[in-house]
Amino acid sequence: MTSGIDSLLILLILLNLILLGASRLHNAVRMVAAQGFVLGALPLLMQSSGAWKAALLLGIGSALLKGIVFPALLFRAMREIQVRREIEPLVGYASSLLIGVGGLVVCMVWGARLPFPWPVPSSLVVPVGLFTAWTGLFLIMARRKAITQVLGFIVLENSIFLLGLLLTDAMPLLVELGVLLDIFVAVFVMGIMVFHINREFDHINVDQLSALREDAS
């Protein structure tokens, strides 16, 4: 069981690194969808109290929303606004990968030293959760397209979901499902906002929107 968990966590690391180097938005959305399916499988492998029904419900909900629904909404938004690439990121893709590897090393070292009050199913859970959070924050800060920043928001929530799995015995299932519902509403609203921003200003570069605000003031 532990080897299966470790394999999925290593896959999450690889997906995060691919996200950092992805210039095509379609590929980036596919990587986030793959993360959703990986996270959908983890509750079944990590549950230890025999609550198979709760773990199954949580896994299916995560896989459906993050692996199917969110990507479908983002693909539709990209078709509407006709955008395919993150052409001029604030941080280049090669630099992003190098910074990502450095961030991974820091998360591995720091996460391994964090004390935990009870045994965890894998020593990689906390470091990978921290690295996933770091990846989401980096995408939000280092990319110009609003679509990519929405992806960063989803990846950041994925890290919260992963770390929250360590608390499934103490945290009611209803709380986890409530978080998924909140993220669903947030991504839905973000998709609508991206569409309207593109229709009004003919682009979705957030740095240009900041410049527009400064000019207006």
Protein backbone atom coordinates (compact mmCIF):
# COMPACT_ATOMS: atom_id res chain seq x y z
CA MET A 1 0.00 0.00 0.00
CA THR A 2 2.80 2.42 0.91
CA SER A 3 4.58 1.79 -2.40
CA GLY A 4 1.39 2.67 -4.28
CA ILE A 5 1.06 5.92 -2.34
CA ASP A 6 4.71 6.79 -2.97
CA SER A 7 4.29 6.12 -6.69
CA LEU A 8 1.32 8.48 -6.93
CA LEU A 9 3.15 11.16 -4.93
CA ILE A 10 6.18 10.91 -7.22
CA LEU A 11 3.78 11.27 -10.17
CA LEU A 12 2.44 14.45 -8.56
CA ILE A 13 5.99 15.81 -8.37
CA LEU A 14 6.53 15.09 -12.07
CA LEU A 15 3.20 16.72 -12.99
CA ASN A 16 4.17 19.84 -11.02
CA LEU A 17 7.50 20.07 -12.85
CA ILE A 18 5.79 19.59 -16.22
CA LEU A 19 3.37 22.39 -15.30
CA LEU A 20 6.26 24.72 -14.58
CA GLY A 21 7.70 24.08 -18.05
CA ALA A 22 4.44 23.99 -20.04
CA SER A 23 3.90 26.84 -22.50
CA ARG A 24 0.83 25.34 -24.18
CA LEU A 25 -2.22 25.97 -22.05
CA HIS A 26 -3.93 22.80 -23.28
CA ASN A 27 -1.05 20.71 -21.95
CA ALA A 28 -1.11 22.59 -18.66
CA VAL A 29 -4.83 21.93 -18.24
CA ARG A 30 -4.24 18.23 -18.97
CA MET A 31 -1.55 18.10 -16.28
CA VAL A 32 -3.93 19.63 -13.74
CA ALA A 33 -6.61 17.13 -14.80
CA ALA A 34 -4.12 14.30 -14.24
CA GLN A 35 -3.44 15.69 -10.76
CA GLY A 36 -7.15 15.50 -10.10
CA PHE A 37 -7.29 11.79 -10.93
CA VAL A 38 -4.19 11.10 -8.82
CA LEU A 39 -5.74 12.91 -5.87
CA GLY A 40 -8.94 10.95 -6.44
CA ALA A 41 -7.07 7.68 -5.93
CA LEU A 42 -5.12 8.75 -2.84
CA PRO A 43 -8.04 8.76 -0.32
CA LEU A 44 -8.63 5.06 -0.97
CA LEU A 45 -4.96 4.21 -0.43
CA MET A 46 -4.43 6.49 2.57
CA GLN A 47 -7.52 5.72 4.63
CA SER A 48 -6.72 3.57 7.64
CA SER A 49 -9.88 3.57 9.73
CA GLY A 50 -11.96 1.34 7.46
CA ALA A 51 -14.13 4.22 6.25
CA TRP A 52 -14.20 2.95 2.68
CA LYS A 53 -17.49 4.62 1.78
CA ALA A 54 -16.29 8.07 2.88
CA ALA A 55 -12.94 7.62 1.12
CA LEU A 56 -14.66 6.42 -2.05
CA LEU A 57 -17.06 9.37 -2.04
CA LEU A 58 -14.21 11.82 -1.50
CA GLY A 59 -12.08 10.21 -4.21
CA ILE A 60 -14.87 10.16 -6.79
CA GLY A 61 -15.79 13.77 -6.00
CA SER A 62 -12.20 14.90 -6.42
CA ALA A 63 -11.68 12.95 -9.66
CA LEU A 64 -14.92 14.24 -11.19
CA LEU A 65 -14.42 17.89 -10.29
CA LYS A 66 -10.66 18.24 -10.74
CA GLY A 67 -10.17 15.66 -13.46
CA ILE A 68 -13.22 16.30 -15.64
CA VAL A 69 -15.38 19.31 -14.69
CA PHE A 70 -12.65 21.93 -14.10
CA PRO A 71 -10.69 21.01 -17.25
CA ALA A 72 -13.89 21.06 -19.32
CA LEU A 73 -14.70 24.57 -18.05
CA LEU A 74 -11.17 25.79 -18.79
CA PHE A 75 -11.08 24.20 -22.26
CA ARG A 76 -14.37 25.92 -23.06
CA ALA A 77 -13.01 29.25 -21.83
CA MET A 78 -9.92 28.85 -24.01
CA ARG A 79 -12.07 28.11 -27.05
CA GLU A 80 -14.14 31.21 -26.39
CA ILE A 81 -11.17 33.54 -25.96
CA GLN A 82 -9.00 31.74 -28.56
CA VAL A 83 -5.81 31.54 -26.52
CA ARG A 84 -3.37 28.63 -26.73
CA ARG A 85 -0.03 29.67 -25.25
CA GLU A 86 1.51 31.59 -22.40
CA ILE A 87 3.77 33.54 -24.78
CA GLU A 88 5.66 35.92 -22.48
CA PRO A 89 5.68 34.63 -18.89
CA LEU A 90 7.15 36.81 -16.19
CA VAL A 91 9.66 34.01 -15.51
CA GLY A 92 10.95 31.91 -18.43
CA TYR A 93 10.20 28.20 -18.62
CA ALA A 94 13.81 27.02 -18.25
CA SER A 95 14.22 29.30 -15.25
CA SER A 96 10.90 28.08 -13.87
CA LEU A 97 12.09 24.47 -14.03
CA LEU A 98 15.37 25.32 -12.30
CA ILE A 99 13.55 27.26 -9.60
CA GLY A 100 11.09 24.39 -9.34
CA VAL A 101 13.85 21.85 -8.72
CA GLY A 102 15.27 24.15 -6.04
CA GLY A 103 11.85 24.51 -4.46
CA LEU A 104 11.43 20.73 -4.52
CA VAL A 105 14.70 20.24 -2.66
CA VAL A 106 13.72 22.81 -0.02
CA CYS A 107 10.29 21.23 0.44
CA MET A 108 11.80 17.76 0.75
CA VAL A 109 14.30 18.85 3.39
CA TRP A 110 11.90 21.06 5.33
CA GLY A 111 8.90 18.73 5.04
CA ALA A 112 10.89 15.76 6.33
CA ARG A 113 11.77 17.71 9.46
CA LEU A 114 8.24 18.79 10.35
CA PRO A 115 6.94 16.88 13.39
CA PHE A 116 3.60 15.12 13.07
CA PRO A 117 1.48 14.01 16.03
CA TRP A 118 0.60 10.63 14.49
CA PRO A 119 2.08 8.23 11.90
CA VAL A 120 1.63 9.30 8.29
CA PRO A 121 1.01 6.80 5.45
CA SER A 122 4.10 8.02 3.58
CA SER A 123 7.03 10.28 4.40
CA LEU A 124 6.51 11.98 1.03
CA VAL A 125 3.01 13.30 1.75
CA VAL A 126 4.04 16.50 3.55
CA PRO A 127 6.97 17.41 1.23
CA VAL A 128 4.88 16.77 -1.89
CA GLY A 129 1.98 18.76 -0.42
CA LEU A 130 4.30 21.69 0.28
CA PHE A 131 5.85 21.47 -3.20
CA THR A 132 2.39 21.39 -4.81
CA ALA A 133 1.44 24.52 -2.84
CA TRP A 134 4.69 26.18 -3.95
CA THR A 135 3.96 25.26 -7.59
CA GLY A 136 0.47 26.76 -7.43
CA LEU A 137 1.73 30.01 -5.88
CA PHE A 138 4.54 30.22 -8.47
CA LEU A 139 2.08 29.83 -11.36
CA ILE A 140 -0.09 32.58 -9.92
CA MET A 141 2.84 34.99 -9.52
CA ALA A 142 5.02 34.15 -12.54
CA ARG A 143 2.48 33.87 -15.37
CA ARG A 144 0.60 36.59 -17.23
CA LYS A 145 -2.47 34.79 -18.57
CA ALA A 146 -5.51 34.69 -16.32
CA ILE A 147 -6.14 31.08 -17.41
CA THR A 148 -2.73 30.01 -16.08
CA GLN A 149 -3.41 31.80 -12.82
CA VAL A 150 -6.68 29.89 -12.49
CA LEU A 151 -4.64 26.70 -12.94
CA GLY A 152 -2.30 27.89 -10.20
CA PHE A 153 -5.29 28.38 -7.92
CA ILE A 154 -6.46 24.82 -8.58
CA VAL A 155 -2.96 23.41 -7.96
CA LEU A 156 -2.79 25.35 -4.70
CA GLU A 157 -6.09 23.80 -3.63
CA ASN A 158 -4.75 20.39 -4.63
CA SER A 159 -2.00 20.83 -2.05
CA ILE A 160 -4.57 21.70 0.61
CA PHE A 161 -6.56 18.61 -0.36
CA LEU A 162 -3.46 16.40 -0.17
CA LEU A 163 -2.38 17.69 3.24
CA GLY A 164 -5.99 17.49 4.42
CA LEU A 165 -5.98 13.75 3.72
CA LEU A 166 -3.67 13.38 6.71
CA LEU A 167 -6.50 14.70 8.86
CA THR A 168 -9.34 12.56 7.53
CA ASP A 169 -9.71 10.78 10.87
CA ALA A 170 -10.10 14.10 12.67
CA MET A 171 -11.76 16.14 9.91
CA PRO A 172 -15.33 15.29 8.94
CA LEU A 173 -15.93 14.29 5.32
CA LEU A 174 -18.45 17.10 5.03
CA VAL A 175 -15.68 19.68 5.44
CA GLU A 176 -13.64 18.15 2.59
CA LEU A 177 -16.67 18.06 0.32
CA GLY A 178 -17.46 21.65 1.28
CA VAL A 179 -13.97 22.68 0.19
CA LEU A 180 -14.48 20.93 -3.16
CA LEU A 181 -17.77 22.77 -3.65
CA ASP A 182 -16.16 26.12 -2.85
CA ILE A 183 -13.39 25.46 -5.37
CA PHE A 184 -15.97 24.45 -7.99
CA VAL A 185 -17.84 27.72 -7.55
CA ALA A 186 -14.58 29.71 -7.58
CA VAL A 187 -13.33 28.13 -10.83
CA PHE A 188 -16.75 28.59 -12.45
CA VAL A 189 -16.78 32.28 -11.53
CA MET A 190 -13.17 32.69 -12.68
CA GLY A 191 -14.04 31.18 -16.07
CA ILE A 192 -16.84 33.70 -16.50
CA MET A 193 -14.54 36.56 -15.47
CA VAL A 194 -11.83 35.48 -17.94
CA PHE A 195 -14.38 35.39 -20.76
CA HIS A 196 -15.71 38.87 -19.95
CA ILE A 197 -12.21 40.33 -19.50
CA ASN A 198 -11.21 39.04 -22.92
CA ARG A 199 -14.39 40.39 -24.52
CA GLU A 200 -13.96 43.86 -23.05
CA PHE A 201 -10.18 44.30 -23.40
CA ASP A 202 -9.25 41.80 -26.15
CA HIS A 203 -6.61 40.11 -23.93
CA ILE A 204 -6.29 38.29 -20.62
CA ASN A 205 -2.83 39.49 -19.57
CA VAL A 206 -3.14 40.54 -15.95
CA ASP A 207 -0.10 42.85 -16.12
CA GLN A 208 -1.79 44.88 -18.87
CA LEU A 209 -4.90 45.15 -16.72
CA SER A 210 -2.73 46.57 -13.92
CA ALA A 211 -1.27 49.11 -16.32
CA LEU A 212 -4.77 50.04 -17.44
CA ARG A 213 -5.74 50.72 -13.84
CA GLU A 214 -2.70 52.96 -13.36
CA ASP A 215 -3.50 54.90 -16.53
CA ALA A 216 -7.09 55.37 -15.47
CA SER A 217 -6.04 56.79 -12.11
